[in-house]
Amino acid sequence: MTANIDSLNAQMAAKIAKESQVGMGRSSLFAIARQPHNTGSKSYVSLGVAPTHDDDDFASQQKVEYENSYRMEPATRFVPEKVRPILIETLEKELENMEYEPVLCSMQSKSIAQEIKLRVKALNYARFKIVCLVNIGEKRDQDVRLGSRCLWDSSRDNFACASYENPYIYATATVYAIYYE
């Protein structure tokens, strides 16, 4: 009986493999041939410097699960006026005499976002999810408009924003604090 099941499984696997080679079978994420990315533009793809988790602590951290407290209001509210000086100080310190280099600015924006996030978390806003976004761009004769849309509770959630510019670059930093019960 098990020999019949094994032979049926082998036949089914061979059929699927044959159909995927011909292109008539079910598609799979892994069966799709990679297409070259050619849009004709000269822009850099930011995934080339995507963050990696090389930290040993990252792999060893276990998720902490809390019991329900049924607390619907935060003990301390997120105060943007306390966070804004952190944003301004960090942007000025990190970008003071920097010129625009696409790959360097991409890595720098990630490191600035991480530093801001750590400094804001040090303010001990308990039960708030802190999200930090940093954008760095080249100053040329153009206008830039950044916007964001979020689904949140306006009575509990908040954000802080700051910008910086020098003769070569502009930068914006935004910190979102989302309360979770």
N, C-alpha and C. Protein backbone atom coordinates (compact mmCIF):
# COMPACT_ATOMS: atom_id res chain seq x y z
N MET A 1 0.82 -1.20 0.00
CA MET A 1 0.00 0.00 0.00
C MET A 1 0.87 1.26 0.00
N THR A 2 1.90 1.28 0.87
CA THR A 2 2.77 2.46 0.92
C THR A 2 3.60 2.58 -0.36
N ALA A 3 3.89 1.45 -1.01
CA ALA A 3 4.64 1.50 -2.27
C ALA A 3 3.80 2.19 -3.34
N ASN A 4 2.49 1.92 -3.35
CA ASN A 4 1.60 2.57 -4.32
C ASN A 4 1.54 4.08 -4.08
N ILE A 5 1.47 4.47 -2.82
CA ILE A 5 1.40 5.90 -2.47
C ILE A 5 2.70 6.58 -2.86
N ASP A 6 3.84 5.91 -2.58
CA ASP A 6 5.12 6.48 -2.94
C ASP A 6 5.26 6.64 -4.45
N SER A 7 4.80 5.64 -5.21
CA SER A 7 4.91 5.73 -6.67
C SER A 7 3.97 6.81 -7.21
N LEU A 8 2.78 6.97 -6.60
CA LEU A 8 1.87 8.04 -7.02
C LEU A 8 2.48 9.41 -6.74
N ASN A 9 3.10 9.55 -5.56
CA ASN A 9 3.75 10.82 -5.22
C ASN A 9 4.88 11.11 -6.20
N ALA A 10 5.65 10.11 -6.56
CA ALA A 10 6.76 10.30 -7.51
C ALA A 10 6.23 10.69 -8.88
N GLN A 11 5.13 10.04 -9.31
CA GLN A 11 4.55 10.37 -10.61
C GLN A 11 4.01 11.81 -10.62
N MET A 12 3.36 12.18 -9.53
CA MET A 12 2.80 13.53 -9.42
C MET A 12 3.91 14.58 -9.43
N ALA A 13 5.00 14.31 -8.72
CA ALA A 13 6.12 15.25 -8.69
C ALA A 13 6.75 15.37 -10.07
N ALA A 14 6.88 14.25 -10.79
CA ALA A 14 7.46 14.29 -12.14
C ALA A 14 6.55 15.07 -13.08
N LYS A 15 5.23 14.90 -12.95
CA LYS A 15 4.27 15.62 -13.80
C LYS A 15 4.34 17.11 -13.55
N ILE A 16 4.40 17.50 -12.28
CA ILE A 16 4.46 18.93 -11.93
C ILE A 16 5.76 19.53 -12.45
N ALA A 17 6.87 18.80 -12.29
CA ALA A 17 8.15 19.30 -12.78
C ALA A 17 8.13 19.46 -14.29
N LYS A 18 7.55 18.50 -14.99
CA LYS A 18 7.48 18.56 -16.45
C LYS A 18 6.62 19.73 -16.91
N GLU A 19 5.45 19.93 -16.26
CA GLU A 19 4.55 21.02 -16.64
C GLU A 19 5.16 22.38 -16.35
N SER A 20 5.91 22.50 -15.25
CA SER A 20 6.50 23.79 -14.93
C SER A 20 7.61 24.13 -15.90
N GLN A 21 8.28 23.10 -16.45
CA GLN A 21 9.30 23.36 -17.45
C GLN A 21 8.68 23.82 -18.75
N VAL A 22 7.55 23.25 -19.10
CA VAL A 22 6.88 23.60 -20.34
C VAL A 22 6.17 24.94 -20.19
N GLY A 23 5.79 25.30 -18.98
CA GLY A 23 5.10 26.55 -18.75
C GLY A 23 3.60 26.40 -18.73
N MET A 24 3.10 25.15 -18.63
CA MET A 24 1.67 24.92 -18.65
C MET A 24 1.12 24.61 -17.26
N GLY A 25 1.98 24.42 -16.29
CA GLY A 25 1.53 24.00 -14.97
C GLY A 25 1.24 25.16 -14.06
N ARG A 26 1.04 24.83 -12.82
CA ARG A 26 0.81 25.84 -11.81
C ARG A 26 2.06 26.68 -11.63
N SER A 27 1.87 27.95 -11.43
CA SER A 27 3.03 28.80 -11.25
C SER A 27 3.42 28.82 -9.77
N SER A 28 4.65 29.08 -9.56
CA SER A 28 5.19 29.17 -8.22
C SER A 28 6.13 30.36 -8.17
N LEU A 29 6.26 30.92 -7.02
CA LEU A 29 7.18 32.03 -6.85
C LEU A 29 8.59 31.62 -7.21
N PHE A 30 8.93 30.36 -6.94
CA PHE A 30 10.28 29.89 -7.18
C PHE A 30 10.49 29.43 -8.61
N ALA A 31 9.42 29.18 -9.37
CA ALA A 31 9.53 28.71 -10.74
C ALA A 31 9.60 29.86 -11.73
N ILE A 32 9.35 31.07 -11.30
CA ILE A 32 9.36 32.21 -12.19
C ILE A 32 10.79 32.59 -12.51
N ALA A 33 11.09 32.72 -13.79
CA ALA A 33 12.43 33.12 -14.20
C ALA A 33 12.61 34.60 -13.89
N ARG A 34 13.80 34.94 -13.44
CA ARG A 34 14.08 36.33 -13.11
C ARG A 34 14.24 37.15 -14.38
N GLN A 35 13.55 38.27 -14.42
CA GLN A 35 13.64 39.18 -15.55
C GLN A 35 14.64 40.27 -15.19
N PRO A 36 15.48 40.67 -16.13
CA PRO A 36 16.40 41.77 -15.82
C PRO A 36 15.64 43.07 -15.62
N HIS A 37 16.09 43.85 -14.66
CA HIS A 37 15.45 45.13 -14.35
C HIS A 37 16.08 46.19 -15.24
N ASN A 38 15.36 46.59 -16.28
CA ASN A 38 15.89 47.59 -17.19
C ASN A 38 14.79 48.58 -17.51
N THR A 39 14.81 49.70 -16.81
CA THR A 39 13.81 50.73 -17.06
C THR A 39 14.38 51.89 -17.85
N GLY A 40 15.69 51.84 -18.12
CA GLY A 40 16.30 52.92 -18.87
C GLY A 40 16.69 54.10 -18.02
N SER A 41 16.41 54.06 -16.73
CA SER A 41 16.78 55.18 -15.87
C SER A 41 18.16 54.93 -15.27
N LYS A 42 18.74 55.99 -14.76
CA LYS A 42 20.05 55.89 -14.15
C LYS A 42 19.97 55.96 -12.63
N SER A 43 18.79 55.80 -12.07
CA SER A 43 18.63 55.91 -10.63
C SER A 43 19.13 54.65 -9.94
N TYR A 44 19.47 54.80 -8.69
CA TYR A 44 19.96 53.69 -7.90
C TYR A 44 18.79 52.98 -7.24
N VAL A 45 18.89 51.70 -7.10
CA VAL A 45 17.87 50.92 -6.41
C VAL A 45 18.28 50.85 -4.95
N SER A 46 17.40 51.27 -4.07
CA SER A 46 17.76 51.34 -2.65
C SER A 46 17.89 49.97 -2.01
N LEU A 47 17.39 48.91 -2.67
CA LEU A 47 17.53 47.58 -2.09
C LEU A 47 18.98 47.12 -2.09
N GLY A 48 19.82 47.78 -2.86
CA GLY A 48 21.23 47.41 -2.90
C GLY A 48 21.91 47.65 -1.57
N VAL A 49 21.37 48.52 -0.76
CA VAL A 49 21.93 48.79 0.55
C VAL A 49 20.87 48.55 1.62
N ALA A 50 20.06 47.54 1.39
CA ALA A 50 19.00 47.22 2.34
C ALA A 50 19.62 46.78 3.66
N PRO A 51 18.94 47.05 4.77
CA PRO A 51 19.52 46.68 6.06
C PRO A 51 19.64 45.18 6.21
N THR A 52 20.68 44.78 6.87
CA THR A 52 20.87 43.37 7.15
C THR A 52 20.89 43.20 8.67
N HIS A 53 20.58 42.02 9.09
CA HIS A 53 20.57 41.73 10.53
C HIS A 53 21.76 40.86 10.86
N ASP A 54 22.93 41.50 10.93
CA ASP A 54 24.14 40.77 11.25
C ASP A 54 24.36 40.65 12.75
N ASP A 55 23.55 41.35 13.52
CA ASP A 55 23.74 41.32 14.96
C ASP A 55 23.45 39.93 15.51
N ASP A 56 24.29 39.49 16.42
CA ASP A 56 24.04 38.21 17.08
C ASP A 56 22.83 38.32 18.00
N ASP A 57 22.60 39.52 18.53
CA ASP A 57 21.48 39.71 19.45
C ASP A 57 20.15 39.58 18.72
N PHE A 58 20.11 39.96 17.45
CA PHE A 58 18.86 39.93 16.71
C PHE A 58 18.30 38.52 16.61
N ALA A 59 19.16 37.55 16.32
CA ALA A 59 18.71 36.17 16.17
C ALA A 59 18.34 35.55 17.51
N SER A 60 19.01 35.99 18.57
CA SER A 60 18.78 35.35 19.86
C SER A 60 17.63 35.97 20.64
N GLN A 61 17.10 37.10 20.21
CA GLN A 61 16.00 37.73 20.93
C GLN A 61 14.73 36.94 20.74
N GLN A 62 14.03 36.72 21.82
CA GLN A 62 12.75 36.05 21.74
C GLN A 62 11.65 37.08 21.94
N LYS A 63 10.53 36.85 21.29
CA LYS A 63 9.42 37.77 21.41
C LYS A 63 8.78 37.64 22.79
N VAL A 64 8.60 38.77 23.43
CA VAL A 64 7.99 38.80 24.74
C VAL A 64 6.49 38.96 24.57
N GLU A 65 5.73 38.10 25.18
CA GLU A 65 4.28 38.21 25.11
C GLU A 65 3.75 38.68 26.47
N TYR A 66 2.96 39.72 26.41
CA TYR A 66 2.41 40.30 27.63
C TYR A 66 0.97 39.85 27.81
N GLU A 67 0.53 39.82 29.06
CA GLU A 67 -0.87 39.53 29.33
C GLU A 67 -1.68 40.79 29.09
N ASN A 68 -2.94 40.62 28.81
CA ASN A 68 -3.81 41.76 28.59
C ASN A 68 -3.94 42.59 29.86
N SER A 69 -3.80 43.90 29.71
CA SER A 69 -3.96 44.79 30.86
C SER A 69 -5.27 45.56 30.76
N TYR A 70 -5.87 45.54 29.59
CA TYR A 70 -7.13 46.25 29.34
C TYR A 70 -6.99 47.74 29.61
N ARG A 71 -5.80 48.26 29.44
CA ARG A 71 -5.56 49.70 29.60
C ARG A 71 -5.77 50.34 28.24
N MET A 72 -6.75 51.19 28.13
CA MET A 72 -7.10 51.80 26.85
C MET A 72 -6.44 53.16 26.65
N GLU A 73 -5.93 53.76 27.70
CA GLU A 73 -5.27 55.06 27.60
C GLU A 73 -3.81 54.93 28.01
N PRO A 74 -2.91 55.64 27.33
CA PRO A 74 -1.49 55.56 27.71
C PRO A 74 -1.23 56.23 29.05
N ALA A 75 -0.27 55.69 29.79
CA ALA A 75 0.10 56.29 31.08
C ALA A 75 0.72 57.67 30.85
N THR A 76 1.60 57.77 29.86
CA THR A 76 2.17 59.07 29.47
C THR A 76 1.94 59.24 27.98
N ARG A 77 1.52 60.40 27.59
CA ARG A 77 1.25 60.68 26.19
C ARG A 77 2.55 61.02 25.45
N PHE A 78 2.56 60.73 24.16
CA PHE A 78 3.69 61.10 23.30
C PHE A 78 3.64 62.61 23.11
N VAL A 79 4.74 63.28 23.44
CA VAL A 79 4.80 64.73 23.34
C VAL A 79 5.76 65.11 22.22
N PRO A 80 5.25 65.59 21.09
CA PRO A 80 6.12 65.93 19.96
C PRO A 80 7.15 67.01 20.29
N GLU A 81 6.82 67.89 21.22
CA GLU A 81 7.74 68.97 21.58
C GLU A 81 9.01 68.45 22.26
N LYS A 82 8.96 67.26 22.87
CA LYS A 82 10.15 66.65 23.46
C LYS A 82 10.98 65.92 22.40
N VAL A 83 10.35 65.47 21.36
CA VAL A 83 11.02 64.66 20.34
C VAL A 83 11.63 65.55 19.25
N ARG A 84 11.00 66.65 18.95
CA ARG A 84 11.48 67.52 17.87
C ARG A 84 12.93 67.98 18.07
N PRO A 85 13.37 68.39 19.26
CA PRO A 85 14.79 68.75 19.45
C PRO A 85 15.76 67.59 19.17
N ILE A 86 15.33 66.37 19.45
CA ILE A 86 16.15 65.20 19.15
C ILE A 86 16.33 65.08 17.64
N LEU A 87 15.25 65.27 16.90
CA LEU A 87 15.31 65.19 15.44
C LEU A 87 16.24 66.25 14.86
N ILE A 88 16.06 67.47 15.30
CA ILE A 88 16.87 68.58 14.79
C ILE A 88 18.35 68.37 15.11
N GLU A 89 18.64 68.02 16.35
CA GLU A 89 20.03 67.82 16.79
C GLU A 89 20.71 66.69 16.02
N THR A 90 20.00 65.59 15.83
CA THR A 90 20.58 64.45 15.13
C THR A 90 20.82 64.77 13.65
N LEU A 91 19.86 65.41 13.01
CA LEU A 91 20.04 65.77 11.60
C LEU A 91 21.20 66.73 11.42
N GLU A 92 21.30 67.74 12.27
CA GLU A 92 22.39 68.72 12.15
C GLU A 92 23.74 68.07 12.40
N LYS A 93 23.82 67.20 13.39
CA LYS A 93 25.09 66.55 13.73
C LYS A 93 25.56 65.62 12.61
N GLU A 94 24.65 64.84 12.05
CA GLU A 94 25.03 63.83 11.06
C GLU A 94 25.21 64.38 9.64
N LEU A 95 24.52 65.47 9.31
CA LEU A 95 24.51 65.94 7.93
C LEU A 95 25.15 67.31 7.73
N GLU A 96 25.94 67.76 8.68
CA GLU A 96 26.41 69.14 8.69
C GLU A 96 27.09 69.56 7.38
N ASN A 97 28.13 68.91 6.95
CA ASN A 97 28.83 69.30 5.72
C ASN A 97 28.78 68.20 4.67
N MET A 98 27.71 67.47 4.63
CA MET A 98 27.60 66.33 3.73
C MET A 98 27.13 66.76 2.35
N GLU A 99 27.76 66.19 1.32
CA GLU A 99 27.31 66.39 -0.05
C GLU A 99 26.51 65.17 -0.47
N TYR A 100 25.72 65.32 -1.53
CA TYR A 100 24.84 64.23 -1.95
C TYR A 100 25.61 63.16 -2.70
N GLU A 101 25.54 61.96 -2.20
CA GLU A 101 26.04 60.74 -2.85
C GLU A 101 24.96 59.69 -2.63
N PRO A 102 24.32 59.18 -3.68
CA PRO A 102 23.12 58.35 -3.52
C PRO A 102 23.27 57.16 -2.57
N VAL A 103 24.29 56.37 -2.74
CA VAL A 103 24.44 55.18 -1.91
C VAL A 103 24.79 55.58 -0.47
N LEU A 104 25.68 56.54 -0.31
CA LEU A 104 26.05 56.99 1.02
C LEU A 104 24.85 57.60 1.75
N CYS A 105 24.05 58.40 1.04
CA CYS A 105 22.87 59.01 1.66
C CYS A 105 21.84 57.96 2.05
N SER A 106 21.73 56.91 1.26
CA SER A 106 20.79 55.84 1.59
C SER A 106 21.20 55.16 2.90
N MET A 107 22.47 54.84 3.02
CA MET A 107 22.95 54.21 4.25
C MET A 107 22.88 55.18 5.43
N GLN A 108 23.19 56.44 5.17
CA GLN A 108 23.15 57.45 6.22
C GLN A 108 21.73 57.66 6.73
N SER A 109 20.74 57.64 5.85
CA SER A 109 19.36 57.83 6.29
C SER A 109 18.92 56.68 7.19
N LYS A 110 19.37 55.47 6.89
CA LYS A 110 19.02 54.33 7.74
C LYS A 110 19.69 54.42 9.10
N SER A 111 20.95 54.84 9.13
CA SER A 111 21.64 54.95 10.42
C SER A 111 21.08 56.10 11.26
N ILE A 112 20.71 57.21 10.61
CA ILE A 112 20.09 58.32 11.34
C ILE A 112 18.74 57.89 11.90
N ALA A 113 17.95 57.18 11.11
CA ALA A 113 16.65 56.70 11.58
C ALA A 113 16.82 55.79 12.79
N GLN A 114 17.82 54.92 12.75
CA GLN A 114 18.06 54.02 13.88
C GLN A 114 18.47 54.79 15.12
N GLU A 115 19.35 55.78 14.95
CA GLU A 115 19.80 56.58 16.10
C GLU A 115 18.63 57.37 16.71
N ILE A 116 17.81 57.97 15.86
CA ILE A 116 16.65 58.73 16.36
C ILE A 116 15.71 57.80 17.10
N LYS A 117 15.46 56.65 16.53
CA LYS A 117 14.54 55.68 17.15
C LYS A 117 15.04 55.27 18.54
N LEU A 118 16.34 55.02 18.66
CA LEU A 118 16.90 54.64 19.97
C LEU A 118 16.79 55.79 20.98
N ARG A 119 17.04 57.01 20.53
CA ARG A 119 16.95 58.15 21.45
C ARG A 119 15.52 58.43 21.88
N VAL A 120 14.56 58.22 20.97
CA VAL A 120 13.16 58.42 21.34
C VAL A 120 12.70 57.31 22.28
N LYS A 121 13.13 56.08 22.03
CA LYS A 121 12.77 54.99 22.93
C LYS A 121 13.33 55.20 24.33
N ALA A 122 14.45 55.93 24.43
CA ALA A 122 15.04 56.22 25.74
C ALA A 122 14.17 57.17 26.56
N LEU A 123 13.22 57.84 25.91
CA LEU A 123 12.28 58.71 26.64
C LEU A 123 11.20 57.91 27.35
N ASN A 124 11.19 56.60 27.16
CA ASN A 124 10.28 55.67 27.86
C ASN A 124 8.81 55.96 27.60
N TYR A 125 8.45 55.98 26.35
CA TYR A 125 7.03 56.04 26.00
C TYR A 125 6.54 54.60 25.97
N ALA A 126 6.02 54.14 27.10
CA ALA A 126 5.58 52.76 27.23
C ALA A 126 4.36 52.51 26.35
N ARG A 127 4.35 51.34 25.73
CA ARG A 127 3.23 50.86 24.92
C ARG A 127 3.02 51.66 23.63
N PHE A 128 4.05 52.36 23.19
CA PHE A 128 4.00 53.06 21.92
C PHE A 128 4.93 52.35 20.94
N LYS A 129 4.45 52.12 19.76
CA LYS A 129 5.27 51.61 18.67
C LYS A 129 5.90 52.83 18.02
N ILE A 130 7.23 52.89 17.99
CA ILE A 130 7.95 54.03 17.44
C ILE A 130 8.42 53.68 16.03
N VAL A 131 8.02 54.50 15.06
CA VAL A 131 8.43 54.32 13.67
C VAL A 131 9.13 55.60 13.24
N CYS A 132 10.32 55.46 12.68
CA CYS A 132 11.10 56.63 12.26
C CYS A 132 11.43 56.54 10.78
N LEU A 133 11.15 57.61 10.06
CA LEU A 133 11.46 57.71 8.63
C LEU A 133 12.38 58.90 8.40
N VAL A 134 13.45 58.68 7.64
CA VAL A 134 14.37 59.76 7.30
C VAL A 134 14.54 59.76 5.79
N ASN A 135 14.34 60.90 5.17
CA ASN A 135 14.52 61.07 3.73
C ASN A 135 15.64 62.07 3.50
N ILE A 136 16.57 61.71 2.62
CA ILE A 136 17.67 62.61 2.24
C ILE A 136 17.66 62.72 0.72
N GLY A 137 17.73 63.94 0.23
CA GLY A 137 17.72 64.16 -1.21
C GLY A 137 18.68 65.25 -1.62
N GLU A 138 18.97 65.29 -2.91
CA GLU A 138 19.89 66.27 -3.46
C GLU A 138 19.15 67.56 -3.75
N LYS A 139 19.79 68.68 -3.39
CA LYS A 139 19.20 69.98 -3.70
C LYS A 139 19.62 70.38 -5.10
N ARG A 140 18.65 70.44 -5.95
CA ARG A 140 18.81 70.97 -7.29
C ARG A 140 17.65 71.92 -7.48
N ASP A 141 17.48 72.46 -8.62
CA ASP A 141 16.39 73.42 -8.83
C ASP A 141 15.08 72.68 -9.02
N GLN A 142 14.55 72.13 -7.92
CA GLN A 142 13.29 71.40 -7.98
C GLN A 142 12.55 71.58 -6.65
N ASP A 143 11.30 71.20 -6.67
CA ASP A 143 10.48 71.19 -5.46
C ASP A 143 10.24 69.75 -5.06
N VAL A 144 10.14 69.54 -3.78
CA VAL A 144 9.85 68.21 -3.26
C VAL A 144 8.73 68.34 -2.26
N ARG A 145 7.76 67.46 -2.36
CA ARG A 145 6.67 67.44 -1.41
C ARG A 145 6.54 66.03 -0.87
N LEU A 146 6.69 65.89 0.43
CA LEU A 146 6.57 64.60 1.07
C LEU A 146 5.25 64.55 1.83
N GLY A 147 4.60 63.42 1.76
CA GLY A 147 3.34 63.26 2.47
C GLY A 147 3.25 61.86 3.05
N SER A 148 2.38 61.69 3.99
CA SER A 148 2.15 60.36 4.56
C SER A 148 0.70 60.24 4.96
N ARG A 149 0.22 59.03 4.90
CA ARG A 149 -1.16 58.74 5.31
C ARG A 149 -1.11 57.55 6.23
N CYS A 150 -1.81 57.65 7.32
CA CYS A 150 -1.81 56.57 8.31
C CYS A 150 -3.23 56.35 8.82
N LEU A 151 -3.48 55.15 9.20
CA LEU A 151 -4.74 54.81 9.86
C LEU A 151 -4.42 54.71 11.34
N TRP A 152 -4.92 55.67 12.11
CA TRP A 152 -4.59 55.67 13.52
C TRP A 152 -5.66 56.35 14.34
N ASP A 153 -5.50 56.27 15.63
CA ASP A 153 -6.42 56.89 16.57
C ASP A 153 -5.88 58.27 16.91
N SER A 154 -6.54 59.31 16.46
CA SER A 154 -6.01 60.66 16.64
C SER A 154 -5.98 61.12 18.09
N SER A 155 -6.70 60.46 18.98
CA SER A 155 -6.67 60.86 20.39
C SER A 155 -5.47 60.27 21.13
N ARG A 156 -4.86 59.21 20.59
CA ARG A 156 -3.74 58.57 21.28
C ARG A 156 -2.43 58.64 20.49
N ASP A 157 -2.50 58.50 19.17
CA ASP A 157 -1.30 58.46 18.34
C ASP A 157 -0.88 59.87 17.96
N ASN A 158 0.43 60.03 17.68
CA ASN A 158 0.94 61.35 17.35
C ASN A 158 2.21 61.21 16.54
N PHE A 159 2.77 62.33 16.10
CA PHE A 159 4.01 62.30 15.34
C PHE A 159 4.79 63.58 15.58
N ALA A 160 6.08 63.53 15.27
CA ALA A 160 6.94 64.70 15.32
C ALA A 160 7.75 64.72 14.03
N CYS A 161 8.02 65.92 13.52
CA CYS A 161 8.70 66.06 12.25
C CYS A 161 9.68 67.21 12.30
N ALA A 162 10.82 67.05 11.61
CA ALA A 162 11.81 68.12 11.50
C ALA A 162 12.50 68.01 10.15
N SER A 163 13.05 69.12 9.69
CA SER A 163 13.77 69.10 8.43
C SER A 163 15.10 69.83 8.58
N TYR A 164 16.00 69.55 7.64
CA TYR A 164 17.33 70.13 7.65
C TYR A 164 17.75 70.32 6.20
N GLU A 165 18.52 71.37 5.93
CA GLU A 165 19.08 71.53 4.61
C GLU A 165 20.40 72.27 4.69
N ASN A 166 21.30 71.93 3.77
CA ASN A 166 22.55 72.65 3.58
C ASN A 166 22.64 72.96 2.09
N PRO A 167 23.72 73.53 1.59
CA PRO A 167 23.77 73.88 0.17
C PRO A 167 23.65 72.70 -0.80
N TYR A 168 23.86 71.45 -0.32
CA TYR A 168 23.89 70.30 -1.20
C TYR A 168 22.71 69.36 -1.03
N ILE A 169 22.19 69.25 0.17
CA ILE A 169 21.15 68.25 0.44
C ILE A 169 20.03 68.84 1.28
N TYR A 170 18.91 68.13 1.28
CA TYR A 170 17.82 68.40 2.21
C TYR A 170 17.50 67.08 2.91
N ALA A 171 16.95 67.16 4.08
CA ALA A 171 16.58 65.94 4.82
C ALA A 171 15.36 66.22 5.67
N THR A 172 14.52 65.22 5.79
CA THR A 172 13.38 65.29 6.69
C THR A 172 13.39 64.05 7.57
N ALA A 173 12.99 64.22 8.80
CA ALA A 173 12.89 63.10 9.73
C ALA A 173 11.51 63.17 10.37
N THR A 174 10.83 62.04 10.40
CA THR A 174 9.51 61.96 10.99
C THR A 174 9.47 60.77 11.94
N VAL A 175 8.94 60.99 13.13
CA VAL A 175 8.76 59.92 14.11
C VAL A 175 7.28 59.80 14.38
N TYR A 176 6.77 58.58 14.19
CA TYR A 176 5.37 58.27 14.48
C TYR A 176 5.34 57.47 15.76
N ALA A 177 4.43 57.81 16.64
CA ALA A 177 4.23 57.05 17.88
C ALA A 177 2.80 56.52 17.86
N ILE A 178 2.68 55.21 17.74
CA ILE A 178 1.37 54.57 17.64
C ILE A 178 1.14 53.77 18.91
N TYR A 179 0.09 54.11 19.61
CA TYR A 179 -0.23 53.44 20.87
C TYR A 179 -0.90 52.10 20.58
N TYR A 180 -0.45 51.07 21.29
CA TYR A 180 -1.13 49.79 21.16
C TYR A 180 -1.50 49.27 22.54
N GLU A 181 -2.73 48.73 22.62
CA GLU A 181 -3.24 48.26 23.89
C GLU A 181 -2.63 46.93 24.25
